[in-house]
Amino acid sequence: MSHQTAFPSAKVIKVNEIELEVFEAGTHNKGNPIVLCHGWPEHAFSWRFQVSTLVKAGYHVIIPNQRGFGNSSRPQAVNDYDIKCLTGDLTALLDYYGYQDAVFVGHDWGANIVWNLAMLHPKRVRKVINLALPYQERGEIPWIEFMQQMFGDDFYFVHFNKQPGVADKVLDANIANFLRNIFRKNLPMVPPQPGMMMINLAKAEMAFGDPIMSEDELSVFISAFENSGFTGGINWYRNLDRNWHILADIDPIISHPTLMVYGTQDQIPPSPNLKKFVPNADVVHLECGHWIQQEKPDEVNQVILDWLAH
């Protein structure tokens, strides 16, 4: 299957008391929306290989740069990046287009938002397709506290929360180097390397693994983060414990038709309890690392199309 790197132009729309930079294609397919949600440290452009395929399949493709990214709003308050705000942006996006629901596709942190969207606003989600990040069980203690016990203070989730502003400054000062180092095949995302891994990646002169994109493609990400900085996206991490409390009384079962796509070389492990919480989940494993839709675009496109067709 062929894929194209042509990417639609952006428009900025007002939703949920902020502005979102949104890329859309296939507007002639009105009534059949699919919303693609990027992760961290990413950009709507990470879905470039999926756009033309989904449009040809009859979908109205909507790809927001979520709050904190690209030319979307970057509120100052950390709490403005909690899961209520992030999922509220997506429901407001549906309202803007006049849709009751849509197919939602998420990768990495985008997958986390889609999982939560299906719990907090189940009627707004038609189907779930998530890549890399499986369903995260709520557990008995807040997530950052749990990660601190499991991985220690140097784990980047913990570091982002316990030392606010430190990682932001280092990443902002090493944008090109950090992105060039992190967008690699087979990059070990977890467990953490000694020290603060994300800072190490930003400062490292050499990186492991082959690059997953050309310098021209990478320049889109570099330019975006030169504009936005990293604090908005890191604030997603800083709300994990707040999100844990928000979800206290929410039904954890997601009954929507769901496709979960894992990379076999991704260091984020598959969930052993996925079916317990997502009983209607189908699981696919692709031979790749963490950046699944960019590493294996043809395979991802085919898997998505086949699953949606059934």
C-alpha atoms as a PDB file:
ATOM      1  CA  MET A   1       0.000   0.000   0.000  1.00  0.00           C
ATOM      2  CA  SER A   2       1.343   3.424  -0.864  1.00  0.00           C
ATOM      3  CA  HIS A   3       1.234   6.331   1.522  1.00  0.00           C
ATOM      4  CA  GLN A   4       1.784  10.037   1.044  1.00  0.00           C
ATOM      5  CA  THR A   5       3.526  12.589   3.215  1.00  0.00           C
ATOM      6  CA  ALA A   6       1.431  15.530   1.973  1.00  0.00           C
ATOM      7  CA  PHE A   7      -0.096  17.083   5.035  1.00  0.00           C
ATOM      8  CA  PRO A   8      -3.132  19.377   5.165  1.00  0.00           C
ATOM      9  CA  SER A   9      -2.780  23.006   6.119  1.00  0.00           C
ATOM     10  CA  ALA A  10      -3.785  24.154   9.578  1.00  0.00           C
ATOM     11  CA  LYS A  11      -6.613  26.231  10.892  1.00  0.00           C
ATOM     12  CA  VAL A  12      -7.027  27.537  14.417  1.00  0.00           C
ATOM     13  CA  ILE A  13     -10.424  27.085  16.037  1.00  0.00           C
ATOM     14  CA  LYS A  14     -11.812  28.151  19.406  1.00  0.00           C
ATOM     15  CA  VAL A  15     -13.000  25.302  21.628  1.00  0.00           C
ATOM     16  CA  ASN A  16     -13.312  24.780  25.386  1.00  0.00           C
ATOM     17  CA  GLU A  17     -12.096  28.350  26.133  1.00  0.00           C
ATOM     18  CA  ILE A  18      -8.806  27.799  24.261  1.00  0.00           C
ATOM     19  CA  GLU A  19      -7.627  27.655  20.657  1.00  0.00           C
ATOM     20  CA  LEU A  20      -6.589  24.441  18.931  1.00  0.00           C
ATOM     21  CA  GLU A  21      -4.487  24.188  15.795  1.00  0.00           C
ATOM     22  CA  VAL A  22      -6.316  21.602  13.696  1.00  0.00           C
ATOM     23  CA  PHE A  23      -5.385  19.834  10.469  1.00  0.00           C
ATOM     24  CA  GLU A  24      -8.221  18.214   8.556  1.00  0.00           C
ATOM     25  CA  ALA A  25      -8.737  16.373   5.294  1.00  0.00           C
ATOM     26  CA  GLY A  26     -11.613  14.597   3.627  1.00  0.00           C
ATOM     27  CA  THR A  27     -14.214  17.214   4.467  1.00  0.00           C
ATOM     28  CA  HIS A  28     -16.312  15.721   1.651  1.00  0.00           C
ATOM     29  CA  ASN A  29     -16.666  12.658   3.888  1.00  0.00           C
ATOM     30  CA  LYS A  30     -18.842  14.635   6.277  1.00  0.00           C
ATOM     31  CA  GLY A  31     -20.532  12.432   8.830  1.00  0.00           C
ATOM     32  CA  ASN A  32     -17.739   9.879   9.172  1.00  0.00           C
ATOM     33  CA  PRO A  33     -15.171  11.501  11.474  1.00  0.00           C
ATOM     34  CA  ILE A  34     -11.935  10.002  12.734  1.00  0.00           C
ATOM     35  CA  VAL A  35      -9.843  12.013  15.201  1.00  0.00           C
ATOM     36  CA  LEU A  36      -6.098  11.300  15.483  1.00  0.00           C
ATOM     37  CA  CYS A  37      -4.451  12.192  18.806  1.00  0.00           C
ATOM     38  CA  HIS A  38      -0.668  12.574  19.054  1.00  0.00           C
ATOM     39  CA  GLY A  39       1.569  11.798  22.015  1.00  0.00           C
ATOM     40  CA  TRP A  40       4.624  13.389  23.633  1.00  0.00           C
ATOM     41  CA  PRO A  41       6.932  14.866  22.442  1.00  0.00           C
ATOM     42  CA  GLU A  42       4.996  14.867  19.196  1.00  0.00           C
ATOM     43  CA  HIS A  43       2.798  16.832  16.864  1.00  0.00           C
ATOM     44  CA  ALA A  44      -0.190  16.292  14.589  1.00  0.00           C
ATOM     45  CA  PHE A  45       2.382  15.725  11.813  1.00  0.00           C
ATOM     46  CA  SER A  46       3.148  12.324  13.348  1.00  0.00           C
ATOM     47  CA  TRP A  47      -0.028  11.097  11.576  1.00  0.00           C
ATOM     48  CA  ARG A  48       1.098  12.272   8.124  1.00  0.00           C
ATOM     49  CA  PHE A  49       1.194   8.752   6.681  1.00  0.00           C
ATOM     50  CA  GLN A  50      -2.378   7.954   7.715  1.00  0.00           C
ATOM     51  CA  VAL A  51      -4.207  10.962   6.237  1.00  0.00           C
ATOM     52  CA  SER A  52      -4.609  10.048   2.566  1.00  0.00           C
ATOM     53  CA  THR A  53      -5.365   6.402   3.338  1.00  0.00           C
ATOM     54  CA  LEU A  54      -8.159   7.286   5.749  1.00  0.00           C
ATOM     55  CA  VAL A  55      -9.609   9.916   3.405  1.00  0.00           C
ATOM     56  CA  LYS A  56      -9.714   7.378   0.574  1.00  0.00           C
ATOM     57  CA  ALA A  57     -11.473   4.974   2.925  1.00  0.00           C
ATOM     58  CA  GLY A  58     -14.237   7.530   3.409  1.00  0.00           C
ATOM     59  CA  TYR A  59     -13.263   9.298   6.618  1.00  0.00           C
ATOM     60  CA  HIS A  60     -13.268  12.943   7.599  1.00  0.00           C
ATOM     61  CA  VAL A  61      -9.808  13.102   9.170  1.00  0.00           C
ATOM     62  CA  ILE A  62      -9.341  15.562  12.050  1.00  0.00           C
ATOM     63  CA  ILE A  63      -5.921  15.952  13.677  1.00  0.00           C
ATOM     64  CA  PRO A  64      -5.552  18.482  16.484  1.00  0.00           C
ATOM     65  CA  ASN A  65      -2.358  19.728  18.000  1.00  0.00           C
ATOM     66  CA  GLN A  66      -3.580  19.322  21.531  1.00  0.00           C
ATOM     67  CA  ARG A  67      -3.213  22.029  24.159  1.00  0.00           C
ATOM     68  CA  GLY A  68       0.431  22.787  24.886  1.00  0.00           C
ATOM     69  CA  PHE A  69       1.607  21.768  21.403  1.00  0.00           C
ATOM     70  CA  GLY A  70       2.250  23.516  18.095  1.00  0.00           C
ATOM     71  CA  ASN A  71       0.222  26.669  17.664  1.00  0.00           C
ATOM     72  CA  SER A  72      -2.489  25.551  20.064  1.00  0.00           C
ATOM     73  CA  SER A  73      -3.041  27.418  23.324  1.00  0.00           C
ATOM     74  CA  ARG A  74      -0.566  26.942  26.147  1.00  0.00           C
ATOM     75  CA  PRO A  75      -2.308  27.886  29.406  1.00  0.00           C
ATOM     76  CA  GLN A  76      -0.037  28.860  32.270  1.00  0.00           C
ATOM     77  CA  ALA A  77      -1.734  26.908  35.068  1.00  0.00           C
ATOM     78  CA  VAL A  78      -0.563  23.307  35.467  1.00  0.00           C
ATOM     79  CA  ASN A  79      -4.105  22.175  36.342  1.00  0.00           C
ATOM     80  CA  ASP A  80      -5.288  23.392  32.945  1.00  0.00           C
ATOM     81  CA  TYR A  81      -3.710  20.244  31.494  1.00  0.00           C
ATOM     82  CA  ASP A  82      -5.626  17.697  33.559  1.00  0.00           C
ATOM     83  CA  ILE A  83      -7.657  14.937  31.948  1.00  0.00           C
ATOM     84  CA  LYS A  84     -10.904  16.887  32.224  1.00  0.00           C
ATOM     85  CA  CYS A  85      -9.387  19.688  30.144  1.00  0.00           C
ATOM     86  CA  LEU A  86      -7.721  17.389  27.604  1.00  0.00           C
ATOM     87  CA  THR A  87     -10.808  15.247  27.010  1.00  0.00           C
ATOM     88  CA  GLY A  88     -12.987  18.358  27.117  1.00  0.00           C
ATOM     89  CA  ASP A  89     -11.002  19.773  24.213  1.00  0.00           C
ATOM     90  CA  LEU A  90     -11.883  16.700  22.157  1.00  0.00           C
ATOM     91  CA  THR A  91     -15.600  16.751  22.965  1.00  0.00           C
ATOM     92  CA  ALA A  92     -15.645  20.472  22.169  1.00  0.00           C
ATOM     93  CA  LEU A  93     -13.920  19.657  18.876  1.00  0.00           C
ATOM     94  CA  LEU A  94     -16.758  17.268  18.048  1.00  0.00           C
ATOM     95  CA  ASP A  95     -19.268  19.976  18.946  1.00  0.00           C
ATOM     96  CA  TYR A  96     -17.486  22.412  16.642  1.00  0.00           C
ATOM     97  CA  TYR A  97     -17.917  20.045  13.708  1.00  0.00           C
ATOM     98  CA  GLY A  98     -21.444  19.035  14.707  1.00  0.00           C
ATOM     99  CA  TYR A  99     -20.605  15.416  15.502  1.00  0.00           C
ATOM    100  CA  GLN A 100     -22.138  13.363  18.299  1.00  0.00           C
ATOM    101  CA  ASP A 101     -19.266  10.879  18.223  1.00  0.00           C
ATOM    102  CA  ALA A 102     -16.223   9.771  16.248  1.00  0.00           C
ATOM    103  CA  VAL A 103     -13.623   7.071  15.936  1.00  0.00           C
ATOM    104  CA  PHE A 104     -10.697   8.168  18.115  1.00  0.00           C
ATOM    105  CA  VAL A 105      -7.140   7.058  17.447  1.00  0.00           C
ATOM    106  CA  GLY A 106      -4.375   7.728  19.964  1.00  0.00           C
ATOM    107  CA  HIS A 107      -0.655   7.095  20.197  1.00  0.00           C
ATOM    108  CA  ASP A 108       1.460   7.289  23.366  1.00  0.00           C
ATOM    109  CA  TRP A 109      -0.026  10.062  25.556  1.00  0.00           C
ATOM    110  CA  GLY A 110      -2.727  10.495  22.926  1.00  0.00           C
ATOM    111  CA  ALA A 111      -3.773   6.914  23.653  1.00  0.00           C
ATOM    112  CA  ASN A 112      -4.023   7.750  27.344  1.00  0.00           C
ATOM    113  CA  ILE A 113      -6.340  10.641  26.519  1.00  0.00           C
ATOM    114  CA  VAL A 114      -8.483   8.428  24.297  1.00  0.00           C
ATOM    115  CA  TRP A 115      -8.769   5.765  27.022  1.00  0.00           C
ATOM    116  CA  ASN A 116      -9.915   8.461  29.436  1.00  0.00           C
ATOM    117  CA  LEU A 117     -12.250  10.018  26.880  1.00  0.00           C
ATOM    118  CA  ALA A 118     -14.001   6.669  26.514  1.00  0.00           C
ATOM    119  CA  MET A 119     -14.512   6.558  30.292  1.00  0.00           C
ATOM    120  CA  LEU A 120     -15.409  10.198  30.931  1.00  0.00           C
ATOM    121  CA  HIS A 121     -17.469  10.784  27.771  1.00  0.00           C
ATOM    122  CA  PRO A 122     -18.461   7.309  26.517  1.00  0.00           C
ATOM    123  CA  LYS A 123     -21.256   8.537  24.253  1.00  0.00           C
ATOM    124  CA  ARG A 124     -18.836  10.727  22.292  1.00  0.00           C
ATOM    125  CA  VAL A 125     -16.655   7.772  21.271  1.00  0.00           C
ATOM    126  CA  ARG A 126     -17.708   5.426  18.478  1.00  0.00           C
ATOM    127  CA  LYS A 127     -14.634   3.196  18.413  1.00  0.00           C
ATOM    128  CA  VAL A 128     -11.187   3.243  20.013  1.00  0.00           C
ATOM    129  CA  ILE A 129      -7.889   2.604  18.234  1.00  0.00           C
ATOM    130  CA  ASN A 130      -4.802   2.994  20.412  1.00  0.00           C
ATOM    131  CA  LEU A 131      -1.118   2.525  19.680  1.00  0.00           C
ATOM    132  CA  ALA A 132       1.774   1.824  22.079  1.00  0.00           C
ATOM    133  CA  LEU A 133       0.173   2.781  25.397  1.00  0.00           C
ATOM    134  CA  PRO A 134      -2.224   0.165  26.771  1.00  0.00           C
ATOM    135  CA  TYR A 135      -5.053   0.823  29.176  1.00  0.00           C
ATOM    136  CA  GLN A 136      -3.628   2.087  32.464  1.00  0.00           C
ATOM    137  CA  GLU A 137      -5.237   0.532  35.527  1.00  0.00           C
ATOM    138  CA  ARG A 138      -5.998   3.080  38.225  1.00  0.00           C
ATOM    139  CA  GLY A 139      -4.532   1.033  41.080  1.00  0.00           C
ATOM    140  CA  GLU A 140      -4.683   1.693  44.788  1.00  0.00           C
ATOM    141  CA  ILE A 141      -2.178   4.572  44.995  1.00  0.00           C
ATOM    142  CA  PRO A 142      -1.670   7.615  42.714  1.00  0.00           C
ATOM    143  CA  TRP A 143       0.380   6.920  39.597  1.00  0.00           C
ATOM    144  CA  ILE A 144       3.411   9.131  40.356  1.00  0.00           C
ATOM    145  CA  GLU A 145       3.663   7.720  43.854  1.00  0.00           C
ATOM    146  CA  PHE A 146       3.505   4.217  42.383  1.00  0.00           C
ATOM    147  CA  MET A 147       6.180   4.985  39.759  1.00  0.00           C
ATOM    148  CA  GLN A 148       8.426   6.532  42.403  1.00  0.00           C
ATOM    149  CA  GLN A 149       8.214   3.307  44.411  1.00  0.00           C
ATOM    150  CA  MET A 150       8.833   1.162  41.335  1.00  0.00           C
ATOM    151  CA  PHE A 151      11.475   3.145  39.432  1.00  0.00           C
ATOM    152  CA  GLY A 152      12.862   5.765  41.810  1.00  0.00           C
ATOM    153  CA  ASP A 153      13.224   9.538  41.735  1.00  0.00           C
ATOM    154  CA  ASP A 154      15.147   9.602  38.451  1.00  0.00           C
ATOM    155  CA  PHE A 155      12.337   8.086  36.392  1.00  0.00           C
ATOM    156  CA  TYR A 156      11.235  10.858  34.060  1.00  0.00           C
ATOM    157  CA  PHE A 157       7.545  10.745  35.097  1.00  0.00           C
ATOM    158  CA  VAL A 158       8.644  11.296  38.697  1.00  0.00           C
ATOM    159  CA  HIS A 159      11.329  13.852  37.815  1.00  0.00           C
ATOM    160  CA  PHE A 160       8.841  15.962  35.850  1.00  0.00           C
ATOM    161  CA  ASN A 161       6.612  16.131  38.940  1.00  0.00           C
ATOM    162  CA  LYS A 162       9.136  16.375  41.759  1.00  0.00           C
ATOM    163  CA  GLN A 163      11.498  18.876  40.102  1.00  0.00           C
ATOM    164  CA  PRO A 164       9.207  21.223  38.158  1.00  0.00           C
ATOM    165  CA  GLY A 165      10.889  23.330  35.526  1.00  0.00           C
ATOM    166  CA  VAL A 166      14.241  21.524  35.502  1.00  0.00           C
ATOM    167  CA  ALA A 167      13.629  19.208  32.572  1.00  0.00           C
ATOM    168  CA  ASP A 168      11.694  21.921  30.719  1.00  0.00           C
ATOM    169  CA  LYS A 169      14.737  24.212  30.636  1.00  0.00           C
ATOM    170  CA  VAL A 170      17.132  21.492  29.505  1.00  0.00           C
ATOM    171  CA  LEU A 171      14.824  20.275  26.736  1.00  0.00           C
ATOM    172  CA  ASP A 172      14.054  23.827  25.579  1.00  0.00           C
ATOM    173  CA  ALA A 173      17.801  24.472  25.316  1.00  0.00           C
ATOM    174  CA  ASN A 174      18.458  21.288  23.330  1.00  0.00           C
ATOM    175  CA  ILE A 175      15.384  20.976  21.102  1.00  0.00           C
ATOM    176  CA  ALA A 176      16.928  19.672  17.891  1.00  0.00           C
ATOM    177  CA  ASN A 177      19.329  17.333  19.657  1.00  0.00           C
ATOM    178  CA  PHE A 178      16.624  15.900  21.925  1.00  0.00           C
ATOM    179  CA  LEU A 179      14.143  15.250  19.114  1.00  0.00           C
ATOM    180  CA  ARG A 180      16.825  13.825  16.855  1.00  0.00           C
ATOM    181  CA  ASN A 181      17.842  11.446  19.646  1.00  0.00           C
ATOM    182  CA  ILE A 182      14.403  10.357  20.777  1.00  0.00           C
ATOM    183  CA  PHE A 183      12.830   9.645  17.387  1.00  0.00           C
ATOM    184  CA  ARG A 184      14.769   6.426  16.899  1.00  0.00           C
ATOM    185  CA  LYS A 185      13.888   2.825  16.275  1.00  0.00           C
ATOM    186  CA  ASN A 186      14.163   0.534  19.289  1.00  0.00           C
ATOM    187  CA  LEU A 187      14.734   3.428  21.690  1.00  0.00           C
ATOM    188  CA  PRO A 188      14.502   2.106  25.271  1.00  0.00           C
ATOM    189  CA  MET A 189      11.704   4.226  26.740  1.00  0.00           C
ATOM    190  CA  VAL A 190      11.363   2.261  30.009  1.00  0.00           C
ATOM    191  CA  PRO A 191      12.764   1.070  32.317  1.00  0.00           C
ATOM    192  CA  PRO A 192      14.743   4.264  32.897  1.00  0.00           C
ATOM    193  CA  GLN A 193      18.403   4.628  32.201  1.00  0.00           C
ATOM    194  CA  PRO A 194      20.611   5.825  35.087  1.00  0.00           C
ATOM    195  CA  GLY A 195      19.802   9.402  35.885  1.00  0.00           C
ATOM    196  CA  MET A 196      17.057  11.464  34.253  1.00  0.00           C
ATOM    197  CA  MET A 197      16.732   9.778  30.879  1.00  0.00           C
ATOM    198  CA  MET A 198      15.038  12.613  29.012  1.00  0.00           C
ATOM    199  CA  ILE A 199      17.719  15.080  30.097  1.00  0.00           C
ATOM    200  CA  ASN A 200      20.371  12.554  29.091  1.00  0.00           C
ATOM    201  CA  LEU A 201      18.781  12.219  25.666  1.00  0.00           C
ATOM    202  CA  ALA A 202      18.701  15.986  25.264  1.00  0.00           C
ATOM    203  CA  LYS A 203      22.388  16.361  26.069  1.00  0.00           C
ATOM    204  CA  ALA A 204      23.704  13.198  24.408  1.00  0.00           C
ATOM    205  CA  GLU A 205      25.840  13.654  21.321  1.00  0.00           C
ATOM    206  CA  MET A 206      25.118  10.142  20.089  1.00  0.00           C
ATOM    207  CA  ALA A 207      21.868   8.171  20.081  1.00  0.00           C
ATOM    208  CA  PHE A 208      21.077   4.497  19.679  1.00  0.00           C
ATOM    209  CA  GLY A 209      18.916   3.128  16.894  1.00  0.00           C
ATOM    210  CA  ASP A 210      18.198   4.299  13.364  1.00  0.00           C
ATOM    211  CA  PRO A 211      16.252   7.541  12.843  1.00  0.00           C
ATOM    212  CA  ILE A 212      12.592   7.098  11.995  1.00  0.00           C
ATOM    213  CA  MET A 213      12.292  10.220   9.858  1.00  0.00           C
ATOM    214  CA  SER A 214      14.208  12.388   7.448  1.00  0.00           C
ATOM    215  CA  GLU A 215      15.760  15.710   8.448  1.00  0.00           C
ATOM    216  CA  ASP A 216      12.987  17.492   6.532  1.00  0.00           C
ATOM    217  CA  GLU A 217      10.345  15.650   8.509  1.00  0.00           C
ATOM    218  CA  LEU A 218      12.185  16.211  11.765  1.00  0.00           C
ATOM    219  CA  SER A 219      12.344  19.928  11.026  1.00  0.00           C
ATOM    220  CA  VAL A 220       8.562  20.138  11.393  1.00  0.00           C
ATOM    221  CA  PHE A 221       8.840  18.892  14.984  1.00  0.00           C
ATOM    222  CA  ILE A 222      11.870  21.076  15.743  1.00  0.00           C
ATOM    223  CA  SER A 223      10.147  24.208  14.463  1.00  0.00           C
ATOM    224  CA  ALA A 224       6.998  23.435  16.436  1.00  0.00           C
ATOM    225  CA  PHE A 225       8.850  22.987  19.736  1.00  0.00           C
ATOM    226  CA  GLU A 226      10.984  26.063  19.111  1.00  0.00           C
ATOM    227  CA  ASN A 227       7.667  27.888  19.074  1.00  0.00           C
ATOM    228  CA  SER A 228       5.894  26.117  21.925  1.00  0.00           C
ATOM    229  CA  GLY A 229       8.612  24.853  24.236  1.00  0.00           C
ATOM    230  CA  PHE A 230       8.090  21.672  26.212  1.00  0.00           C
ATOM    231  CA  THR A 231       6.351  22.876  29.380  1.00  0.00           C
ATOM    232  CA  GLY A 232       2.783  22.490  28.086  1.00  0.00           C
ATOM    233  CA  GLY A 233       3.313  18.871  27.124  1.00  0.00           C
ATOM    234  CA  ILE A 234       5.225  18.066  30.315  1.00  0.00           C
ATOM    235  CA  ASN A 235       2.282  19.495  32.261  1.00  0.00           C
ATOM    236  CA  TRP A 236       0.276  16.505  31.016  1.00  0.00           C
ATOM    237  CA  TYR A 237       2.585  14.365  33.183  1.00  0.00           C
ATOM    238  CA  ARG A 238       2.245  16.771  36.099  1.00  0.00           C
ATOM    239  CA  ASN A 239      -1.484  16.033  36.265  1.00  0.00           C
ATOM    240  CA  LEU A 240      -1.251  12.255  36.539  1.00  0.00           C
ATOM    241  CA  ASP A 241      -2.007  12.144  40.257  1.00  0.00           C
ATOM    242  CA  ARG A 242      -4.738  14.751  39.836  1.00  0.00           C
ATOM    243  CA  ASN A 243      -6.200  12.547  37.086  1.00  0.00           C
ATOM    244  CA  TRP A 244      -6.050   9.568  39.443  1.00  0.00           C
ATOM    245  CA  HIS A 245      -8.335  11.429  41.830  1.00  0.00           C
ATOM    246  CA  ILE A 246     -10.637  12.623  39.029  1.00  0.00           C
ATOM    247  CA  LEU A 247     -11.203   9.013  37.956  1.00  0.00           C
ATOM    248  CA  ALA A 248     -12.019   7.775  41.469  1.00  0.00           C
ATOM    249  CA  ASP A 249     -15.744   7.381  40.840  1.00  0.00           C
ATOM    250  CA  ILE A 250     -15.638   6.683  37.096  1.00  0.00           C
ATOM    251  CA  ASP A 251     -16.560   3.256  35.717  1.00  0.00           C
ATOM    252  CA  PRO A 252     -13.199   1.800  34.616  1.00  0.00           C
ATOM    253  CA  ILE A 253     -14.689  -0.580  32.042  1.00  0.00           C
ATOM    254  CA  ILE A 254     -14.464   0.518  28.405  1.00  0.00           C
ATOM    255  CA  SER A 255     -17.038  -1.395  26.368  1.00  0.00           C
ATOM    256  CA  HIS A 256     -16.408   0.261  22.988  1.00  0.00           C
ATOM    257  CA  PRO A 257     -15.069  -1.766  20.063  1.00  0.00           C
ATOM    258  CA  THR A 258     -11.319  -1.319  20.517  1.00  0.00           C
ATOM    259  CA  LEU A 259      -8.132  -2.025  18.577  1.00  0.00           C
ATOM    260  CA  MET A 260      -4.854  -2.083  20.530  1.00  0.00           C
ATOM    261  CA  VAL A 261      -1.640  -2.023  18.479  1.00  0.00           C
ATOM    262  CA  TYR A 262       1.687  -2.837  20.158  1.00  0.00           C
ATOM    263  CA  GLY A 263       5.244  -2.579  18.828  1.00  0.00           C
ATOM    264  CA  THR A 264       7.135  -5.760  19.639  1.00  0.00           C
ATOM    265  CA  GLN A 265      10.348  -3.791  20.287  1.00  0.00           C
ATOM    266  CA  ASP A 266       8.669  -1.106  22.375  1.00  0.00           C
ATOM    267  CA  GLN A 267       9.831  -1.230  25.980  1.00  0.00           C
ATOM    268  CA  ILE A 268       6.339  -0.336  27.182  1.00  0.00           C
ATOM    269  CA  PRO A 269       4.937  -3.781  27.983  1.00  0.00           C
ATOM    270  CA  PRO A 270       1.522  -4.997  26.807  1.00  0.00           C
ATOM    271  CA  SER A 271      -1.178  -4.961  29.450  1.00  0.00           C
ATOM    272  CA  PRO A 272      -1.849  -8.418  30.929  1.00  0.00           C
ATOM    273  CA  ASN A 273      -5.297  -7.261  32.054  1.00  0.00           C
ATOM    274  CA  LEU A 274      -6.469  -5.457  28.908  1.00  0.00           C
ATOM    275  CA  LYS A 275      -9.483  -7.715  28.385  1.00  0.00           C
ATOM    276  CA  LYS A 276     -10.517  -7.256  32.002  1.00  0.00           C
ATOM    277  CA  PHE A 277     -11.029  -3.538  31.493  1.00  0.00           C
ATOM    278  CA  VAL A 278     -11.563  -3.427  27.713  1.00  0.00           C
ATOM    279  CA  PRO A 279     -13.533  -6.604  26.984  1.00  0.00           C
ATOM    280  CA  ASN A 280     -14.130  -5.811  23.313  1.00  0.00           C
ATOM    281  CA  ALA A 281     -10.461  -5.239  22.491  1.00  0.00           C
ATOM    282  CA  ASP A 282      -8.683  -6.791  19.523  1.00  0.00           C
ATOM    283  CA  VAL A 283      -4.883  -6.851  19.791  1.00  0.00           C
ATOM    284  CA  VAL A 284      -2.280  -6.610  17.019  1.00  0.00           C
ATOM    285  CA  HIS A 285       1.516  -6.775  17.389  1.00  0.00           C
ATOM    286  CA  LEU A 286       3.761  -5.142  14.763  1.00  0.00           C
ATOM    287  CA  GLU A 287       7.513  -5.589  14.430  1.00  0.00           C
ATOM    288  CA  CYS A 288       8.634  -2.102  15.440  1.00  0.00           C
ATOM    289  CA  GLY A 289       9.489   0.153  18.351  1.00  0.00           C
ATOM    290  CA  HIS A 290       7.527   2.905  20.076  1.00  0.00           C
ATOM    291  CA  TRP A 291       6.768   5.290  17.203  1.00  0.00           C
ATOM    292  CA  ILE A 292       4.464   2.776  15.549  1.00  0.00           C
ATOM    293  CA  GLN A 293       2.549   4.788  12.944  1.00  0.00           C
ATOM    294  CA  GLN A 294       5.749   6.485  11.758  1.00  0.00           C
ATOM    295  CA  GLU A 295       7.924   3.361  11.801  1.00  0.00           C
ATOM    296  CA  LYS A 296       5.417   1.050  10.097  1.00  0.00           C
ATOM    297  CA  PRO A 297       2.958   3.319   8.262  1.00  0.00           C
ATOM    298  CA  ASP A 298       1.807   0.834   5.625  1.00  0.00           C
ATOM    299  CA  GLU A 299       1.235  -1.913   8.161  1.00  0.00           C
ATOM    300  CA  VAL A 300      -0.570   0.437  10.544  1.00  0.00           C
ATOM    301  CA  ASN A 301      -2.804   1.716   7.760  1.00  0.00           C
ATOM    302  CA  GLN A 302      -3.726  -1.800   6.677  1.00  0.00           C
ATOM    303  CA  VAL A 303      -4.414  -2.960  10.231  1.00  0.00           C
ATOM    304  CA  ILE A 304      -6.653   0.060  10.886  1.00  0.00           C
ATOM    305  CA  LEU A 305      -8.561  -0.296   7.610  1.00  0.00           C
ATOM    306  CA  ASP A 306      -9.098  -4.046   8.060  1.00  0.00           C
ATOM    307  CA  TRP A 307     -10.293  -3.579  11.625  1.00  0.00           C
ATOM    308  CA  LEU A 308     -12.631  -0.689  10.798  1.00  0.00           C
ATOM    309  CA  ALA A 309     -14.086  -2.701   7.913  1.00  0.00           C
ATOM    310  CA  HIS A 310     -15.112  -5.441  10.326  1.00  0.00           C
END
